[in-house]
């Protein structure tokens, strides 16, 4: 008889603890909620580069890349249709490019560059 009461007490205590932890004031709500627009999934991050020059002469492209690298700015070139494109980057998002494009234009000696998605 004493053993039955002890087992009953343990079952009831366990049930009370279970209810307290899962339905207590700081518990996770298991009910569905209305999705707020602020909770909408974010767009995937995209990488961007800043094109600062197009050259036919590879030595001019290499000199420009060297200028950027001397300022600790990552730059590289890509060749397409006998033209050499010089890019700064890549960067996650456009914000860093927008913040620094005046510096990049000054180093490249251009008025404007072009922000492109990095592929």
PDB file of N, CA and C in Angstrom:
ATOM      1  N   UNK A   1       0.812  -1.185   0.000  1.00  0.00           N
ATOM      2  CA  UNK A   1       0.000   0.000   0.000  1.00  0.00           C
ATOM      3  C   UNK A   1       0.867   1.266   0.000  1.00  0.00           C
ATOM      4  N   UNK A   2       1.902   1.277   0.821  1.00  0.00           N
ATOM      5  CA  UNK A   2       2.812   2.408   0.881  1.00  0.00           C
ATOM      6  C   UNK A   2       3.527   2.603  -0.466  1.00  0.00           C
ATOM      7  N   UNK A   3       3.878   1.501  -1.104  1.00  0.00           N
ATOM      8  CA  UNK A   3       4.548   1.567  -2.410  1.00  0.00           C
ATOM      9  C   UNK A   3       3.622   2.163  -3.455  1.00  0.00           C
ATOM     10  N   UNK A   4       2.349   1.818  -3.434  1.00  0.00           N
ATOM     11  CA  UNK A   4       1.389   2.380  -4.382  1.00  0.00           C
ATOM     12  C   UNK A   4       1.239   3.884  -4.187  1.00  0.00           C
ATOM     13  N   UNK A   5       1.189   4.341  -2.955  1.00  0.00           N
ATOM     14  CA  UNK A   5       1.082   5.771  -2.673  1.00  0.00           C
ATOM     15  C   UNK A   5       2.333   6.514  -3.127  1.00  0.00           C
ATOM     16  N   UNK A   6       3.496   5.907  -2.920  1.00  0.00           N
ATOM     17  CA  UNK A   6       4.752   6.525  -3.341  1.00  0.00           C
ATOM     18  C   UNK A   6       4.816   6.647  -4.863  1.00  0.00           C
ATOM     19  N   UNK A   7       4.426   5.619  -5.553  1.00  0.00           N
ATOM     20  CA  UNK A   7       4.413   5.648  -7.026  1.00  0.00           C
ATOM     21  C   UNK A   7       3.399   6.688  -7.506  1.00  0.00           C
ATOM     22  N   UNK A   8       2.241   6.736  -6.897  1.00  0.00           N
ATOM     23  CA  UNK A   8       1.228   7.735  -7.259  1.00  0.00           C
ATOM     24  C   UNK A   8       1.735   9.147  -7.036  1.00  0.00           C
ATOM     25  N   UNK A   9       2.400   9.366  -5.909  1.00  0.00           N
ATOM     26  CA  UNK A   9       2.969  10.677  -5.619  1.00  0.00           C
ATOM     27  C   UNK A   9       4.004  11.078  -6.673  1.00  0.00           C
ATOM     28  N   UNK A  10       4.887  10.135  -7.048  1.00  0.00           N
ATOM     29  CA  UNK A  10       5.910  10.434  -8.063  1.00  0.00           C
ATOM     30  C   UNK A  10       5.282  10.740  -9.413  1.00  0.00           C
ATOM     31  N   UNK A  11       4.238  10.023  -9.804  1.00  0.00           N
ATOM     32  CA  UNK A  11       3.556  10.273 -11.078  1.00  0.00           C
ATOM     33  C   UNK A  11       2.919  11.659 -11.072  1.00  0.00           C
ATOM     34  N   UNK A  12       2.249  12.008  -9.983  1.00  0.00           N
ATOM     35  CA  UNK A  12       1.600  13.327  -9.893  1.00  0.00           C
ATOM     36  C   UNK A  12       2.647  14.438  -9.872  1.00  0.00           C
ATOM     37  N   UNK A  13       3.740  14.253  -9.144  1.00  0.00           N
ATOM     38  CA  UNK A  13       4.809  15.262  -9.091  1.00  0.00           C
ATOM     39  C   UNK A  13       5.437  15.446 -10.474  1.00  0.00           C
ATOM     40  N   UNK A  14       5.655  14.359 -11.164  1.00  0.00           N
ATOM     41  CA  UNK A  14       6.213  14.431 -12.519  1.00  0.00           C
ATOM     42  C   UNK A  14       5.263  15.165 -13.447  1.00  0.00           C
ATOM     43  N   UNK A  15       3.988  14.877 -13.365  1.00  0.00           N
ATOM     44  CA  UNK A  15       3.000  15.542 -14.200  1.00  0.00           C
ATOM     45  C   UNK A  15       2.956  17.041 -13.904  1.00  0.00           C
ATOM     46  N   UNK A  16       3.016  17.432 -12.639  1.00  0.00           N
ATOM     47  CA  UNK A  16       3.007  18.849 -12.273  1.00  0.00           C
ATOM     48  C   UNK A  16       4.261  19.547 -12.800  1.00  0.00           C
ATOM     49  N   UNK A  17       5.415  18.915 -12.648  1.00  0.00           N
ATOM     50  CA  UNK A  17       6.659  19.505 -13.179  1.00  0.00           C
ATOM     51  C   UNK A  17       6.597  19.635 -14.694  1.00  0.00           C
ATOM     52  N   UNK A  18       6.073  18.626 -15.358  1.00  0.00           N
ATOM     53  CA  UNK A  18       5.931  18.660 -16.819  1.00  0.00           C
ATOM     54  C   UNK A  18       5.061  19.844 -17.238  1.00  0.00           C
ATOM     55  N   UNK A  19       3.913  19.985 -16.594  1.00  0.00           N
ATOM     56  CA  UNK A  19       3.004  21.086 -16.921  1.00  0.00           C
ATOM     57  C   UNK A  19       3.643  22.440 -16.624  1.00  0.00           C
ATOM     58  N   UNK A  20       4.354  22.540 -15.506  1.00  0.00           N
ATOM     59  CA  UNK A  20       5.003  23.803 -15.152  1.00  0.00           C
ATOM     60  C   UNK A  20       6.061  24.201 -16.177  1.00  0.00           C
ATOM     61  N   UNK A  21       6.930  23.271 -16.576  1.00  0.00           N
ATOM     62  CA  UNK A  21       8.012  23.600 -17.508  1.00  0.00           C
ATOM     63  C   UNK A  21       7.508  23.888 -18.916  1.00  0.00           C
ATOM     64  N   UNK A  22       6.486  23.190 -19.350  1.00  0.00           N
ATOM     65  CA  UNK A  22       6.031  23.379 -20.719  1.00  0.00           C
ATOM     66  C   UNK A  22       4.938  24.425 -20.867  1.00  0.00           C
ATOM     67  N   UNK A  23       4.250  24.746 -19.808  1.00  0.00           N
ATOM     68  CA  UNK A  23       3.178  25.724 -19.912  1.00  0.00           C
ATOM     69  C   UNK A  23       3.331  26.853 -18.897  1.00  0.00           C
ATOM     70  N   UNK A  24       4.502  26.968 -18.338  1.00  0.00           N
ATOM     71  CA  UNK A  24       4.773  28.017 -17.365  1.00  0.00           C
ATOM     72  C   UNK A  24       4.934  29.368 -18.045  1.00  0.00           C
ATOM     73  N   UNK A  25       5.217  30.412 -17.267  1.00  0.00           N
ATOM     74  CA  UNK A  25       5.275  31.776 -17.808  1.00  0.00           C
ATOM     75  C   UNK A  25       6.381  31.997 -18.836  1.00  0.00           C
ATOM     76  N   UNK A  26       7.476  31.271 -18.781  1.00  0.00           N
ATOM     77  CA  UNK A  26       8.575  31.478 -19.721  1.00  0.00           C
ATOM     78  C   UNK A  26       8.663  30.375 -20.762  1.00  0.00           C
ATOM     79  N   UNK A  27       7.618  29.611 -20.916  1.00  0.00           N
ATOM     80  CA  UNK A  27       7.678  28.484 -21.840  1.00  0.00           C
ATOM     81  C   UNK A  27       7.493  28.940 -23.272  1.00  0.00           C
ATOM     82  N   UNK A  28       7.870  28.101 -24.178  1.00  0.00           N
ATOM     83  CA  UNK A  28       7.689  28.364 -25.603  1.00  0.00           C
ATOM     84  C   UNK A  28       6.226  28.121 -25.936  1.00  0.00           C
ATOM     85  N   UNK A  29       5.628  29.052 -26.634  1.00  0.00           N
ATOM     86  CA  UNK A  29       4.230  28.893 -27.019  1.00  0.00           C
ATOM     87  C   UNK A  29       4.141  27.915 -28.181  1.00  0.00           C
ATOM     88  N   UNK A  30       3.332  26.913 -28.024  1.00  0.00           N
ATOM     89  CA  UNK A  30       3.176  25.905 -29.063  1.00  0.00           C
ATOM     90  C   UNK A  30       2.039  26.229 -30.013  1.00  0.00           C
ATOM     91  N   UNK A  31       1.346  27.323 -29.766  1.00  0.00           N
ATOM     92  CA  UNK A  31       0.243  27.702 -30.647  1.00  0.00           C
ATOM     93  C   UNK A  31       0.794  28.471 -31.835  1.00  0.00           C
ATOM     94  N   UNK A  32       0.047  28.471 -32.911  1.00  0.00           N
ATOM     95  CA  UNK A  32       0.491  29.205 -34.097  1.00  0.00           C
ATOM     96  C   UNK A  32       0.283  30.695 -33.867  1.00  0.00           C
ATOM     97  N   UNK A  33       1.096  31.496 -34.541  1.00  0.00           N
ATOM     98  CA  UNK A  33       0.950  32.939 -34.401  1.00  0.00           C
ATOM     99  C   UNK A  33       0.775  33.556 -35.772  1.00  0.00           C
ATOM    100  N   UNK A  34       0.241  34.732 -35.801  1.00  0.00           N
ATOM    101  CA  UNK A  34       0.086  35.449 -37.055  1.00  0.00           C
ATOM    102  C   UNK A  34       1.452  35.997 -37.425  1.00  0.00           C
ATOM    103  N   UNK A  35       1.873  35.772 -38.659  1.00  0.00           N
ATOM    104  CA  UNK A  35       3.188  36.208 -39.101  1.00  0.00           C
ATOM    105  C   UNK A  35       3.140  37.687 -39.424  1.00  0.00           C
ATOM    106  N   UNK A  36       3.985  38.425 -38.753  1.00  0.00           N
ATOM    107  CA  UNK A  36       4.111  39.849 -38.994  1.00  0.00           C
ATOM    108  C   UNK A  36       5.013  40.049 -40.199  1.00  0.00           C
ATOM    109  N   UNK A  37       4.848  41.142 -40.907  1.00  0.00           N
ATOM    110  CA  UNK A  37       5.683  41.389 -42.069  1.00  0.00           C
ATOM    111  C   UNK A  37       7.147  41.523 -41.685  1.00  0.00           C
ATOM    112  N   UNK A  38       7.421  41.973 -40.459  1.00  0.00           N
ATOM    113  CA  UNK A  38       8.797  42.079 -39.995  1.00  0.00           C
ATOM    114  C   UNK A  38       9.428  40.713 -39.781  1.00  0.00           C
ATOM    115  N   UNK A  39       8.609  39.679 -39.647  1.00  0.00           N
ATOM    116  CA  UNK A  39       9.113  38.324 -39.460  1.00  0.00           C
ATOM    117  C   UNK A  39       9.315  37.599 -40.791  1.00  0.00           C
ATOM    118  N   UNK A  40       9.057  38.274 -41.899  1.00  0.00           N
ATOM    119  CA  UNK A  40       9.187  37.640 -43.209  1.00  0.00           C
ATOM    120  C   UNK A  40      10.636  37.229 -43.430  1.00  0.00           C
ATOM    121  N   UNK A  41      10.860  36.137 -44.162  1.00  0.00           N
ATOM    122  CA  UNK A  41      12.242  35.690 -44.387  1.00  0.00           C
ATOM    123  C   UNK A  41      13.051  36.739 -45.141  1.00  0.00           C
ATOM    124  N   UNK A  42      14.318  36.826 -44.798  1.00  0.00           N
ATOM    125  CA  UNK A  42      15.215  37.783 -45.437  1.00  0.00           C
ATOM    126  C   UNK A  42      15.612  37.280 -46.821  1.00  0.00           C
ATOM    127  N   UNK A  43      15.939  38.223 -47.691  1.00  0.00           N
ATOM    128  CA  UNK A  43      16.444  37.836 -49.004  1.00  0.00           C
ATOM    129  C   UNK A  43      17.832  37.247 -48.827  1.00  0.00           C
ATOM    130  N   UNK A  44      18.207  36.319 -49.697  1.00  0.00           N
ATOM    131  CA  UNK A  44      19.558  35.760 -49.574  1.00  0.00           C
ATOM    132  C   UNK A  44      20.610  36.832 -49.832  1.00  0.00           C
ATOM    133  N   UNK A  45      21.728  36.712 -49.139  1.00  0.00           N
ATOM    134  CA  UNK A  45      22.819  37.670 -49.330  1.00  0.00           C
ATOM    135  C   UNK A  45      23.428  37.483 -50.711  1.00  0.00           C
ATOM    136  N   UNK A  46      23.731  38.583 -51.341  1.00  0.00           N
ATOM    137  CA  UNK A  46      24.361  38.544 -52.654  1.00  0.00           C
ATOM    138  C   UNK A  46      25.726  39.225 -52.547  1.00  0.00           C
ATOM    139  N   UNK A  47      26.642  38.783 -53.395  1.00  0.00           N
ATOM    140  CA  UNK A  47      27.972  39.381 -53.452  1.00  0.00           C
ATOM    141  C   UNK A  47      28.035  40.326 -54.644  1.00  0.00           C
ATOM    142  N   UNK A  48      28.713  41.454 -54.418  1.00  0.00           N
ATOM    143  CA  UNK A  48      28.832  42.467 -55.464  1.00  0.00           C
ATOM    144  C   UNK A  48      30.280  42.886 -55.630  1.00  0.00           C
ATOM    145  N   UNK A  49      30.589  43.370 -56.831  1.00  0.00           N
ATOM    146  CA  UNK A  49      31.897  43.938 -57.138  1.00  0.00           C
ATOM    147  C   UNK A  49      31.672  45.331 -57.710  1.00  0.00           C
ATOM    148  N   UNK A  50      32.738  46.106 -57.727  1.00  0.00           N
ATOM    149  CA  UNK A  50      32.689  47.462 -58.267  1.00  0.00           C
ATOM    150  C   UNK A  50      33.655  47.523 -59.439  1.00  0.00           C
ATOM    151  N   UNK A  51      33.112  47.687 -60.653  1.00  0.00           N
ATOM    152  CA  UNK A  51      33.959  47.754 -61.851  1.00  0.00           C
ATOM    153  C   UNK A  51      34.491  49.171 -61.986  1.00  0.00           C
ATOM    154  N   UNK A  52      35.825  49.278 -62.001  1.00  0.00           N
ATOM    155  CA  UNK A  52      36.456  50.594 -62.038  1.00  0.00           C
ATOM    156  C   UNK A  52      37.188  50.869 -63.344  1.00  0.00           C
ATOM    157  N   UNK A  53      37.236  49.901 -64.239  1.00  0.00           N
ATOM    158  CA  UNK A  53      37.920  50.155 -65.506  1.00  0.00           C
ATOM    159  C   UNK A  53      37.769  49.027 -66.497  1.00  0.00           C
ATOM    160  N   UNK A  54      37.865  49.414 -67.772  1.00  0.00           N
ATOM    161  CA  UNK A  54      37.881  48.453 -68.883  1.00  0.00           C
ATOM    162  C   UNK A  54      39.059  48.846 -69.774  1.00  0.00           C
ATOM    163  N   UNK A  55      39.932  47.872 -70.060  1.00  0.00           N
ATOM    164  CA  UNK A  55      41.161  48.163 -70.798  1.00  0.00           C
ATOM    165  C   UNK A  55      41.366  47.176 -71.930  1.00  0.00           C
ATOM    166  N   UNK A  56      42.086  47.642 -72.947  1.00  0.00           N
ATOM    167  CA  UNK A  56      42.576  46.730 -73.988  1.00  0.00           C
ATOM    168  C   UNK A  56      44.006  46.325 -73.671  1.00  0.00           C
ATOM    169  N   UNK A  57      44.723  47.191 -72.987  1.00  0.00           N
ATOM    170  CA  UNK A  57      46.118  46.963 -72.652  1.00  0.00           C
ATOM    171  C   UNK A  57      46.217  46.318 -71.268  1.00  0.00           C
ATOM    172  N   UNK A  58      46.749  45.109 -71.205  1.00  0.00           N
ATOM    173  CA  UNK A  58      46.819  44.382 -69.931  1.00  0.00           C
ATOM    174  C   UNK A  58      47.732  45.075 -68.915  1.00  0.00           C
ATOM    175  N   UNK A  59      48.766  45.792 -69.391  1.00  0.00           N
ATOM    176  CA  UNK A  59      49.667  46.458 -68.443  1.00  0.00           C
ATOM    177  C   UNK A  59      48.949  47.583 -67.693  1.00  0.00           C
ATOM    178  N   UNK A  60      48.023  48.280 -68.345  1.00  0.00           N
ATOM    179  CA  UNK A  60      47.254  49.326 -67.664  1.00  0.00           C
ATOM    180  C   UNK A  60      46.349  48.713 -66.599  1.00  0.00           C
ATOM    181  N   UNK A  61      45.742  47.576 -66.923  1.00  0.00           N
ATOM    182  CA  UNK A  61      44.893  46.885 -65.948  1.00  0.00           C
ATOM    183  C   UNK A  61      45.721  46.413 -64.763  1.00  0.00           C
ATOM    184  N   UNK A  62      46.904  45.851 -65.037  1.00  0.00           N
ATOM    185  CA  UNK A  62      47.779  45.381 -63.953  1.00  0.00           C
ATOM    186  C   UNK A  62      48.256  46.538 -63.078  1.00  0.00           C
ATOM    187  N   UNK A  63      48.554  47.680 -63.678  1.00  0.00           N
ATOM    188  CA  UNK A  63      48.969  48.860 -62.903  1.00  0.00           C
ATOM    189  C   UNK A  63      47.847  49.341 -61.984  1.00  0.00           C
ATOM    190  N   UNK A  64      46.618  49.338 -62.498  1.00  0.00           N
ATOM    191  CA  UNK A  64      45.489  49.764 -61.678  1.00  0.00           C
ATOM    192  C   UNK A  64      45.267  48.795 -60.516  1.00  0.00           C
ATOM    193  N   UNK A  65      45.378  47.506 -60.786  1.00  0.00           N
ATOM    194  CA  UNK A  65      45.235  46.510 -59.717  1.00  0.00           C
ATOM    195  C   UNK A  65      46.327  46.714 -58.662  1.00  0.00           C
ATOM    196  N   UNK A  66      47.530  47.001 -59.103  1.00  0.00           N
ATOM    197  CA  UNK A  66      48.632  47.250 -58.167  1.00  0.00           C
ATOM    198  C   UNK A  66      48.354  48.489 -57.309  1.00  0.00           C
ATOM    199  N   UNK A  67      47.748  49.526 -57.888  1.00  0.00           N
ATOM    200  CA  UNK A  67      47.388  50.724 -57.126  1.00  0.00           C
ATOM    201  C   UNK A  67      46.411  50.377 -56.001  1.00  0.00           C
ATOM    202  N   UNK A  68      45.414  49.587 -56.349  1.00  0.00           N
ATOM    203  CA  UNK A  68      44.430  49.191 -55.336  1.00  0.00           C
ATOM    204  C   UNK A  68      45.087  48.350 -54.246  1.00  0.00           C
ATOM    205  N   UNK A  69      45.890  47.412 -54.648  1.00  0.00           N
ATOM    206  CA  UNK A  69      46.527  46.530 -53.663  1.00  0.00           C
ATOM    207  C   UNK A  69      47.491  47.292 -52.762  1.00  0.00           C
ATOM    208  N   UNK A  70      48.114  48.344 -53.277  1.00  0.00           N
ATOM    209  CA  UNK A  70      49.005  49.151 -52.432  1.00  0.00           C
ATOM    210  C   UNK A  70      48.216  49.903 -51.359  1.00  0.00           C
ATOM    211  N   UNK A  71      46.911  50.081 -51.579  1.00  0.00           N
ATOM    212  CA  UNK A  71      46.019  50.715 -50.600  1.00  0.00           C
ATOM    213  C   UNK A  71      45.266  49.668 -49.770  1.00  0.00           C
ATOM    214  N   UNK A  72      45.708  48.393 -49.860  1.00  0.00           N
ATOM    215  CA  UNK A  72      45.074  47.270 -49.148  1.00  0.00           C
ATOM    216  C   UNK A  72      43.621  47.071 -49.549  1.00  0.00           C
ATOM    217  N   UNK A  73      43.336  47.274 -50.833  1.00  0.00           N
ATOM    218  CA  UNK A  73      41.998  47.058 -51.372  1.00  0.00           C
ATOM    219  C   UNK A  73      42.089  45.878 -52.342  1.00  0.00           C
ATOM    220  N   UNK A  74      41.196  44.899 -52.143  1.00  0.00           N
ATOM    221  CA  UNK A  74      41.179  43.720 -52.999  1.00  0.00           C
ATOM    222  C   UNK A  74      40.687  44.096 -54.393  1.00  0.00           C
ATOM    223  N   UNK A  75      41.488  43.804 -55.407  1.00  0.00           N
ATOM    224  CA  UNK A  75      41.116  44.089 -56.796  1.00  0.00           C
ATOM    225  C   UNK A  75      41.588  42.938 -57.664  1.00  0.00           C
ATOM    226  N   UNK A  76      40.872  42.722 -58.759  1.00  0.00           N
ATOM    227  CA  UNK A  76      41.239  41.658 -59.694  1.00  0.00           C
ATOM    228  C   UNK A  76      40.738  42.028 -61.079  1.00  0.00           C
ATOM    229  N   UNK A  77      41.162  41.249 -62.070  1.00  0.00           N
ATOM    230  CA  UNK A  77      40.731  41.512 -63.442  1.00  0.00           C
ATOM    231  C   UNK A  77      40.072  40.271 -64.027  1.00  0.00           C
ATOM    232  N   UNK A  78      39.287  40.511 -65.046  1.00  0.00           N
ATOM    233  CA  UNK A  78      38.616  39.453 -65.777  1.00  0.00           C
ATOM    234  C   UNK A  78      38.633  39.825 -67.249  1.00  0.00           C
ATOM    235  N   UNK A  79      38.945  38.867 -68.101  1.00  0.00           N
ATOM    236  CA  UNK A  79      39.045  39.147 -69.534  1.00  0.00           C
ATOM    237  C   UNK A  79      37.840  38.578 -70.258  1.00  0.00           C
ATOM    238  N   UNK A  80      37.292  39.392 -71.190  1.00  0.00           N
ATOM    239  CA  UNK A  80      36.152  38.960 -71.980  1.00  0.00           C
ATOM    240  C   UNK A  80      36.147  39.754 -73.284  1.00  0.00           C
ATOM    241  N   UNK A  81      36.095  39.052 -74.399  1.00  0.00           N
ATOM    242  CA  UNK A  81      36.062  39.690 -75.733  1.00  0.00           C
ATOM    243  C   UNK A  81      37.220  40.664 -75.939  1.00  0.00           C
ATOM    244  N   UNK A  82      38.428  40.231 -75.631  1.00  0.00           N
ATOM    245  CA  UNK A  82      39.649  41.024 -75.800  1.00  0.00           C
ATOM    246  C   UNK A  82      39.675  42.300 -74.960  1.00  0.00           C
ATOM    247  N   UNK A  83      38.807  42.403 -73.980  1.00  0.00           N
ATOM    248  CA  UNK A  83      38.825  43.527 -73.059  1.00  0.00           C
ATOM    249  C   UNK A  83      39.116  42.999 -71.658  1.00  0.00           C
ATOM    250  N   UNK A  84      39.803  43.820 -70.877  1.00  0.00           N
ATOM    251  CA  UNK A  84      40.148  43.443 -69.512  1.00  0.00           C
ATOM    252  C   UNK A  84      39.372  44.343 -68.565  1.00  0.00           C
ATOM    253  N   UNK A  85      38.543  43.728 -67.744  1.00  0.00           N
ATOM    254  CA  UNK A  85      37.719  44.440 -66.781  1.00  0.00           C
ATOM    255  C   UNK A  85      38.408  44.387 -65.421  1.00  0.00           C
ATOM    256  N   UNK A  86      38.507  45.524 -64.764  1.00  0.00           N
ATOM    257  CA  UNK A  86      39.122  45.585 -63.434  1.00  0.00           C
ATOM    258  C   UNK A  86      38.010  45.829 -62.410  1.00  0.00           C
ATOM    259  N   UNK A  87      38.001  44.967 -61.386  1.00  0.00           N
ATOM    260  CA  UNK A  87      36.969  45.012 -60.356  1.00  0.00           C
ATOM    261  C   UNK A  87      37.603  45.173 -58.978  1.00  0.00           C
ATOM    262  N   UNK A  88      36.853  45.803 -58.083  1.00  0.00           N
ATOM    263  CA  UNK A  88      37.194  45.868 -56.666  1.00  0.00           C
ATOM    264  C   UNK A  88      36.163  44.996 -55.948  1.00  0.00           C
ATOM    265  N   UNK A  89      36.628  44.167 -55.037  1.00  0.00           N
ATOM    266  CA  UNK A  89      35.697  43.319 -54.293  1.00  0.00           C
ATOM    267  C   UNK A  89      36.097  41.868 -54.400  1.00  0.00           C
ATOM    268  N   UNK A  90      35.214  40.970 -54.127  1.00  0.00           N
ATOM    269  CA  UNK A  90      33.773  41.082 -53.920  1.00  0.00           C
ATOM    270  C   UNK A  90      33.418  41.473 -52.486  1.00  0.00           C
ATOM    271  N   UNK A  91      32.200  42.000 -52.347  1.00  0.00           N
ATOM    272  CA  UNK A  91      31.651  42.420 -51.061  1.00  0.00           C
ATOM    273  C   UNK A  91      30.289  41.773 -50.873  1.00  0.00           C
ATOM    274  N   UNK A  92      29.940  41.490 -49.618  1.00  0.00           N
ATOM    275  CA  UNK A  92      28.606  40.983 -49.318  1.00  0.00           C
ATOM    276  C   UNK A  92      27.689  42.192 -49.227  1.00  0.00           C
ATOM    277  N   UNK A  93      26.779  42.313 -50.143  1.00  0.00           N
ATOM    278  CA  UNK A  93      25.874  43.457 -50.190  1.00  0.00           C
ATOM    279  C   UNK A  93      26.541  44.654 -50.855  1.00  0.00           C
ATOM    280  N   UNK A  94      25.748  45.668 -51.131  1.00  0.00           N
ATOM    281  CA  UNK A  94      26.233  46.864 -51.824  1.00  0.00           C
ATOM    282  C   UNK A  94      26.703  47.974 -50.879  1.00  0.00           C
ATOM    283  N   UNK A  95      26.400  47.844 -49.584  1.00  0.00           N
ATOM    284  CA  UNK A  95      26.646  48.935 -48.645  1.00  0.00           C
ATOM    285  C   UNK A  95      28.110  49.363 -48.587  1.00  0.00           C
ATOM    286  N   UNK A  96      29.024  48.398 -48.500  1.00  0.00           N
ATOM    287  CA  UNK A  96      30.455  48.721 -48.409  1.00  0.00           C
ATOM    288  C   UNK A  96      30.921  49.434 -49.676  1.00  0.00           C
ATOM    289  N   UNK A  97      30.423  49.015 -50.819  1.00  0.00           N
ATOM    290  CA  UNK A  97      30.805  49.674 -52.078  1.00  0.00           C
ATOM    291  C   UNK A  97      30.305  51.115 -52.075  1.00  0.00           C
ATOM    292  N   UNK A  98      29.063  51.316 -51.693  1.00  0.00           N
ATOM    293  CA  UNK A  98      28.477  52.662 -51.688  1.00  0.00           C
ATOM    294  C   UNK A  98      29.237  53.576 -50.729  1.00  0.00           C
ATOM    295  N   UNK A  99      29.621  53.035 -49.567  1.00  0.00           N
ATOM    296  CA  UNK A  99      30.354  53.835 -48.580  1.00  0.00           C
ATOM    297  C   UNK A  99      31.747  54.218 -49.075  1.00  0.00           C
ATOM    298  N   UNK A 100      32.380  53.343 -49.871  1.00  0.00           N
ATOM    299  CA  UNK A 100      33.786  53.538 -50.243  1.00  0.00           C
ATOM    300  C   UNK A 100      34.001  53.887 -51.707  1.00  0.00           C
ATOM    301  N   UNK A 101      32.938  54.089 -52.476  1.00  0.00           N
ATOM    302  CA  UNK A 101      33.144  54.280 -53.917  1.00  0.00           C
ATOM    303  C   UNK A 101      33.894  55.560 -54.252  1.00  0.00           C
ATOM    304  N   UNK A 102      33.808  56.581 -53.409  1.00  0.00           N
ATOM    305  CA  UNK A 102      34.587  57.807 -53.655  1.00  0.00           C
ATOM    306  C   UNK A 102      36.081  57.492 -53.613  1.00  0.00           C
ATOM    307  N   UNK A 103      36.499  56.696 -52.636  1.00  0.00           N
ATOM    308  CA  UNK A 103      37.898  56.284 -52.535  1.00  0.00           C
ATOM    309  C   UNK A 103      38.298  55.444 -53.748  1.00  0.00           C
ATOM    310  N   UNK A 104      37.449  54.487 -54.114  1.00  0.00           N
ATOM    311  CA  UNK A 104      37.761  53.615 -55.253  1.00  0.00           C
ATOM    312  C   UNK A 104      37.864  54.421 -56.547  1.00  0.00           C
ATOM    313  N   UNK A 105      36.959  55.384 -56.742  1.00  0.00           N
ATOM    314  CA  UNK A 105      37.015  56.233 -57.936  1.00  0.00           C
ATOM    315  C   UNK A 105      38.291  57.071 -57.946  1.00  0.00           C
ATOM    316  N   UNK A 106      38.679  57.559 -56.782  1.00  0.00           N
ATOM    317  CA  UNK A 106      39.902  58.374 -56.681  1.00  0.00           C
ATOM    318  C   UNK A 106      41.136  57.546 -57.029  1.00  0.00           C
ATOM    319  N   UNK A 107      41.218  56.334 -56.501  1.00  0.00           N
ATOM    320  CA  UNK A 107      42.362  55.466 -56.790  1.00  0.00           C
ATOM    321  C   UNK A 107      42.410  55.127 -58.283  1.00  0.00           C
ATOM    322  N   UNK A 108      41.230  54.848 -58.870  1.00  0.00           N
ATOM    323  CA  UNK A 108      41.183  54.455 -60.279  1.00  0.00           C
ATOM    324  C   UNK A 108      41.288  55.644 -61.219  1.00  0.00           C
ATOM    325  N   UNK A 109      41.055  56.856 -60.708  1.00  0.00           N
ATOM    326  CA  UNK A 109      41.093  58.038 -61.562  1.00  0.00           C
ATOM    327  C   UNK A 109      39.880  58.121 -62.475  1.00  0.00           C
ATOM    328  N   UNK A 110      38.727  57.684 -61.974  1.00  0.00           N
ATOM    329  CA  UNK A 110      37.485  57.734 -62.755  1.00  0.00           C
ATOM    330  C   UNK A 110      36.442  58.516 -61.964  1.00  0.00           C
ATOM    331  N   UNK A 111      35.397  58.954 -62.681  1.00  0.00           N
ATOM    332  CA  UNK A 111      34.316  59.671 -62.006  1.00  0.00           C
ATOM    333  C   UNK A 111      33.311  58.709 -61.398  1.00  0.00           C
ATOM    334  N   UNK A 112      33.044  57.620 -62.085  1.00  0.00           N
ATOM    335  CA  UNK A 112      32.066  56.649 -61.616  1.00  0.00           C
ATOM    336  C   UNK A 112      32.485  55.244 -62.018  1.00  0.00           C
ATOM    337  N   UNK A 113      32.139  54.304 -61.177  1.00  0.00           N
ATOM    338  CA  UNK A 113      32.279  52.898 -61.500  1.00  0.00           C
ATOM    339  C   UNK A 113      30.896  52.288 -61.599  1.00  0.00           C
ATOM    340  N   UNK A 114      30.861  50.979 -61.747  1.00  0.00           N
ATOM    341  CA  UNK A 114      29.587  50.286 -61.903  1.00  0.00           C
ATOM    342  C   UNK A 114      29.530  49.147 -60.882  1.00  0.00           C
ATOM    343  N   UNK A 115      28.448  49.121 -60.113  1.00  0.00           N
ATOM    344  CA  UNK A 115      28.231  48.015 -59.170  1.00  0.00           C
ATOM    345  C   UNK A 115      27.577  46.870 -59.932  1.00  0.00           C
ATOM    346  N   UNK A 116      28.186  45.690 -59.843  1.00  0.00           N
ATOM    347  CA  UNK A 116      27.660  44.507 -60.526  1.00  0.00           C
ATOM    348  C   UNK A 116      27.569  43.355 -59.551  1.00  0.00           C
ATOM    349  N   UNK A 117      26.636  42.451 -59.831  1.00  0.00           N
ATOM    350  CA  UNK A 117      26.568  41.233 -59.013  1.00  0.00           C
ATOM    351  C   UNK A 117      27.728  40.339 -59.378  1.00  0.00           C
ATOM    352  N   UNK A 118      28.405  39.831 -58.349  1.00  0.00           N
ATOM    353  CA  UNK A 118      29.571  38.964 -58.566  1.00  0.00           C
ATOM    354  C   UNK A 118      29.092  37.569 -58.910  1.00  0.00           C
ATOM    355  N   UNK A 119      29.641  37.033 -59.972  1.00  0.00           N
ATOM    356  CA  UNK A 119      29.228  35.695 -60.427  1.00  0.00           C
ATOM    357  C   UNK A 119      30.395  34.761 -60.432  1.00  0.00           C
TER     358      UNK A 119
END
